[in-house]
Amino acid sequence: MNITRFSSREFNQDVSQAKRAAEAGPVFITDRGRPAYVLLRHAAYQRLAGPSKSLLDAIAMPGSDAIEFDPPRLGAGPLRVPDLS
């Protein structure tokens, strides 16, 4: 894997060269000498990010069947059904 560095100015002057360099590996784009951005091919990003999850998969709670939940009934105690008549 070949890592290439471009200053922000070099990147702005020749984006095509940065894109060609990203074919061989990540391109670090620096701002005032410090790495600020990384340019990657989309396929390389997908390998790093791993498989994507759906929203349902993200919020699923495996084993939640074992959680007991018995909420109090409305109408008795401090919680009452309001009379809207």
N, C-alpha and C. Protein backbone atom coordinates (compact mmCIF):
# COMPACT_ATOMS: atom_id res chain seq x y z
N MET A 1 0.86 -1.18 0.00
CA MET A 1 0.00 0.00 0.00
C MET A 1 0.90 1.24 0.00
N ASN A 2 0.63 2.11 -0.93
CA ASN A 2 1.41 3.32 -1.10
C ASN A 2 0.64 4.50 -0.52
N ILE A 3 1.23 5.21 0.45
CA ILE A 3 0.58 6.38 1.05
C ILE A 3 1.20 7.63 0.43
N THR A 4 0.35 8.53 -0.04
CA THR A 4 0.79 9.76 -0.68
C THR A 4 0.30 10.95 0.13
N ARG A 5 1.08 12.02 0.15
CA ARG A 5 0.69 13.25 0.85
C ARG A 5 0.58 14.39 -0.14
N PHE A 6 -0.47 15.17 0.02
CA PHE A 6 -0.68 16.39 -0.75
C PHE A 6 -0.98 17.50 0.23
N SER A 7 -0.43 18.66 0.01
CA SER A 7 -0.88 19.81 0.78
C SER A 7 -2.23 20.23 0.21
N SER A 8 -2.97 21.02 0.96
CA SER A 8 -4.27 21.49 0.46
C SER A 8 -4.10 22.24 -0.85
N ARG A 9 -3.05 23.02 -0.93
CA ARG A 9 -2.80 23.80 -2.14
C ARG A 9 -2.51 22.89 -3.34
N GLU A 10 -1.64 21.87 -3.13
CA GLU A 10 -1.33 20.93 -4.21
C GLU A 10 -2.59 20.18 -4.66
N PHE A 11 -3.41 19.78 -3.68
CA PHE A 11 -4.64 19.07 -4.00
C PHE A 11 -5.56 19.93 -4.85
N ASN A 12 -5.75 21.19 -4.45
CA ASN A 12 -6.62 22.10 -5.20
C ASN A 12 -6.10 22.36 -6.61
N GLN A 13 -4.79 22.37 -6.78
CA GLN A 13 -4.22 22.66 -8.10
C GLN A 13 -4.29 21.46 -9.04
N ASP A 14 -4.28 20.23 -8.48
CA ASP A 14 -4.28 19.05 -9.35
C ASP A 14 -5.04 17.90 -8.71
N VAL A 15 -6.35 18.00 -8.73
CA VAL A 15 -7.21 16.96 -8.16
C VAL A 15 -7.03 15.65 -8.92
N SER A 16 -6.86 15.71 -10.22
CA SER A 16 -6.69 14.50 -11.04
C SER A 16 -5.48 13.69 -10.59
N GLN A 17 -4.40 14.37 -10.27
CA GLN A 17 -3.21 13.67 -9.80
C GLN A 17 -3.49 12.98 -8.46
N ALA A 18 -4.22 13.62 -7.59
CA ALA A 18 -4.58 13.02 -6.30
C ALA A 18 -5.46 11.79 -6.52
N LYS A 19 -6.39 11.86 -7.46
CA LYS A 19 -7.25 10.73 -7.75
C LYS A 19 -6.43 9.56 -8.31
N ARG A 20 -5.47 9.86 -9.17
CA ARG A 20 -4.60 8.79 -9.69
C ARG A 20 -3.78 8.17 -8.57
N ALA A 21 -3.29 8.99 -7.64
CA ALA A 21 -2.51 8.48 -6.52
C ALA A 21 -3.37 7.61 -5.60
N ALA A 22 -4.66 7.90 -5.50
CA ALA A 22 -5.57 7.12 -4.65
C ALA A 22 -5.78 5.71 -5.21
N GLU A 23 -5.46 5.49 -6.48
CA GLU A 23 -5.54 4.14 -7.04
C GLU A 23 -4.56 3.20 -6.35
N ALA A 24 -3.41 3.73 -5.92
CA ALA A 24 -2.37 2.91 -5.30
C ALA A 24 -2.51 2.82 -3.79
N GLY A 25 -3.23 3.73 -3.18
CA GLY A 25 -3.38 3.72 -1.73
C GLY A 25 -3.96 5.03 -1.24
N PRO A 26 -4.08 5.19 0.07
CA PRO A 26 -4.69 6.40 0.60
C PRO A 26 -3.85 7.65 0.31
N VAL A 27 -4.54 8.76 0.14
CA VAL A 27 -3.88 10.04 -0.09
C VAL A 27 -4.21 10.94 1.11
N PHE A 28 -3.19 11.35 1.85
CA PHE A 28 -3.38 12.25 2.98
C PHE A 28 -3.29 13.68 2.47
N ILE A 29 -4.30 14.46 2.77
CA ILE A 29 -4.32 15.87 2.38
C ILE A 29 -4.08 16.67 3.65
N THR A 30 -3.02 17.46 3.63
CA THR A 30 -2.62 18.18 4.84
C THR A 30 -3.09 19.63 4.79
N ASP A 31 -3.30 20.16 5.98
CA ASP A 31 -3.64 21.57 6.14
C ASP A 31 -2.66 22.13 7.15
N ARG A 32 -1.79 23.02 6.68
CA ARG A 32 -0.73 23.59 7.51
C ARG A 32 0.19 22.52 8.09
N GLY A 33 0.47 21.51 7.27
CA GLY A 33 1.40 20.46 7.66
C GLY A 33 0.80 19.32 8.46
N ARG A 34 -0.45 19.44 8.85
CA ARG A 34 -1.09 18.37 9.63
C ARG A 34 -2.11 17.64 8.76
N PRO A 35 -2.16 16.31 8.88
CA PRO A 35 -3.17 15.57 8.11
C PRO A 35 -4.57 16.05 8.45
N ALA A 36 -5.37 16.37 7.44
CA ALA A 36 -6.72 16.87 7.66
C ALA A 36 -7.77 15.98 7.00
N TYR A 37 -7.44 15.38 5.86
CA TYR A 37 -8.38 14.56 5.10
C TYR A 37 -7.65 13.37 4.52
N VAL A 38 -8.43 12.33 4.18
CA VAL A 38 -7.88 11.16 3.51
C VAL A 38 -8.76 10.87 2.30
N LEU A 39 -8.13 10.72 1.15
CA LEU A 39 -8.83 10.39 -0.08
C LEU A 39 -8.62 8.91 -0.36
N LEU A 40 -9.73 8.17 -0.50
CA LEU A 40 -9.68 6.73 -0.77
C LEU A 40 -10.57 6.38 -1.95
N ARG A 41 -10.26 5.28 -2.60
CA ARG A 41 -11.19 4.71 -3.57
C ARG A 41 -12.40 4.23 -2.79
N HIS A 42 -13.57 4.25 -3.40
CA HIS A 42 -14.79 3.83 -2.72
C HIS A 42 -14.70 2.37 -2.25
N ALA A 43 -14.12 1.52 -3.05
CA ALA A 43 -13.98 0.11 -2.68
C ALA A 43 -13.11 -0.04 -1.43
N ALA A 44 -12.06 0.76 -1.32
CA ALA A 44 -11.19 0.70 -0.14
C ALA A 44 -11.95 1.17 1.10
N TYR A 45 -12.77 2.20 0.93
CA TYR A 45 -13.58 2.68 2.06
C TYR A 45 -14.56 1.61 2.51
N GLN A 46 -15.21 0.93 1.56
CA GLN A 46 -16.18 -0.11 1.91
C GLN A 46 -15.50 -1.26 2.65
N ARG A 47 -14.28 -1.60 2.26
CA ARG A 47 -13.54 -2.65 2.98
C ARG A 47 -13.27 -2.22 4.42
N LEU A 48 -12.91 -0.95 4.62
CA LEU A 48 -12.62 -0.45 5.97
C LEU A 48 -13.89 -0.34 6.81
N ALA A 49 -14.97 0.11 6.21
CA ALA A 49 -16.22 0.32 6.95
C ALA A 49 -16.92 -0.98 7.28
N GLY A 50 -16.70 -2.01 6.49
CA GLY A 50 -17.37 -3.28 6.73
C GLY A 50 -18.78 -3.26 6.20
N PRO A 51 -19.49 -4.35 6.43
CA PRO A 51 -20.87 -4.42 5.91
C PRO A 51 -21.77 -3.42 6.63
N SER A 52 -22.67 -2.83 5.88
CA SER A 52 -23.57 -1.84 6.48
C SER A 52 -24.76 -2.54 7.11
N LYS A 53 -25.30 -1.92 8.16
CA LYS A 53 -26.47 -2.46 8.85
C LYS A 53 -27.68 -1.63 8.50
N SER A 54 -28.82 -2.28 8.51
CA SER A 54 -30.06 -1.54 8.34
C SER A 54 -30.41 -0.92 9.68
N LEU A 55 -31.32 0.03 9.68
CA LEU A 55 -31.75 0.66 10.92
C LEU A 55 -32.35 -0.38 11.86
N LEU A 56 -33.10 -1.30 11.32
CA LEU A 56 -33.70 -2.35 12.13
C LEU A 56 -32.63 -3.20 12.81
N ASP A 57 -31.57 -3.55 12.08
CA ASP A 57 -30.48 -4.32 12.66
C ASP A 57 -29.75 -3.52 13.74
N ALA A 58 -29.61 -2.22 13.53
CA ALA A 58 -28.89 -1.38 14.47
C ALA A 58 -29.62 -1.24 15.80
N ILE A 59 -30.95 -1.21 15.79
CA ILE A 59 -31.69 -1.00 17.04
C ILE A 59 -32.23 -2.30 17.64
N ALA A 60 -32.01 -3.41 16.95
CA ALA A 60 -32.49 -4.70 17.45
C ALA A 60 -31.80 -5.03 18.76
N MET A 61 -32.53 -5.66 19.64
CA MET A 61 -31.98 -6.09 20.92
C MET A 61 -32.09 -7.61 21.00
N PRO A 62 -31.04 -8.34 20.59
CA PRO A 62 -31.10 -9.79 20.68
C PRO A 62 -31.34 -10.22 22.14
N GLY A 63 -32.22 -11.16 22.34
CA GLY A 63 -32.51 -11.64 23.68
C GLY A 63 -33.53 -10.81 24.41
N SER A 64 -34.17 -9.84 23.74
CA SER A 64 -35.14 -8.99 24.42
C SER A 64 -36.41 -9.73 24.77
N ASP A 65 -36.59 -10.94 24.24
CA ASP A 65 -37.77 -11.75 24.58
C ASP A 65 -37.76 -12.10 26.07
N ALA A 66 -36.59 -12.16 26.67
CA ALA A 66 -36.46 -12.56 28.07
C ALA A 66 -36.76 -11.40 29.03
N ILE A 67 -36.89 -10.18 28.51
CA ILE A 67 -37.16 -9.03 29.37
C ILE A 67 -38.65 -9.00 29.69
N GLU A 68 -38.95 -8.99 30.99
CA GLU A 68 -40.35 -8.92 31.41
C GLU A 68 -40.76 -7.46 31.49
N PHE A 69 -41.92 -7.15 30.93
CA PHE A 69 -42.42 -5.78 30.94
C PHE A 69 -43.91 -5.83 31.21
N ASP A 70 -44.31 -5.34 32.36
CA ASP A 70 -45.72 -5.33 32.76
C ASP A 70 -46.06 -3.91 33.22
N PRO A 71 -46.43 -3.03 32.29
CA PRO A 71 -46.71 -1.64 32.67
C PRO A 71 -47.99 -1.55 33.49
N PRO A 72 -48.09 -0.54 34.38
CA PRO A 72 -49.31 -0.38 35.18
C PRO A 72 -50.48 0.02 34.29
N ARG A 73 -51.67 -0.36 34.69
CA ARG A 73 -52.88 -0.03 33.95
C ARG A 73 -53.23 1.43 34.18
N LEU A 74 -53.73 2.11 33.15
CA LEU A 74 -54.21 3.47 33.29
C LEU A 74 -55.57 3.45 33.98
N GLY A 75 -55.89 4.49 34.72
CA GLY A 75 -57.18 4.59 35.37
C GLY A 75 -57.12 4.38 36.87
N ALA A 76 -56.08 3.78 37.33
CA ALA A 76 -55.95 3.58 38.77
C ALA A 76 -54.68 4.27 39.25
N GLY A 77 -54.74 4.86 40.42
CA GLY A 77 -53.56 5.51 40.98
C GLY A 77 -53.37 6.89 40.39
N PRO A 78 -52.12 7.35 40.36
CA PRO A 78 -51.86 8.73 39.90
C PRO A 78 -52.09 8.92 38.41
N LEU A 79 -52.09 7.87 37.65
CA LEU A 79 -52.32 7.99 36.21
C LEU A 79 -53.78 7.68 35.93
N ARG A 80 -54.50 8.65 35.43
CA ARG A 80 -55.91 8.45 35.13
C ARG A 80 -56.19 8.88 33.69
N VAL A 81 -57.18 8.24 33.12
CA VAL A 81 -57.63 8.62 31.78
C VAL A 81 -58.44 9.92 31.94
N PRO A 82 -58.08 10.99 31.24
CA PRO A 82 -58.79 12.27 31.40
C PRO A 82 -60.21 12.19 30.85
N ASP A 83 -61.10 12.92 31.50
CA ASP A 83 -62.48 13.01 31.03
C ASP A 83 -62.57 14.20 30.08
N LEU A 84 -62.72 13.94 28.81
CA LEU A 84 -62.74 15.00 27.80
C LEU A 84 -64.15 15.38 27.35
N SER A 85 -65.18 14.99 28.12
CA SER A 85 -66.55 15.32 27.71
C SER A 85 -66.96 16.71 28.10
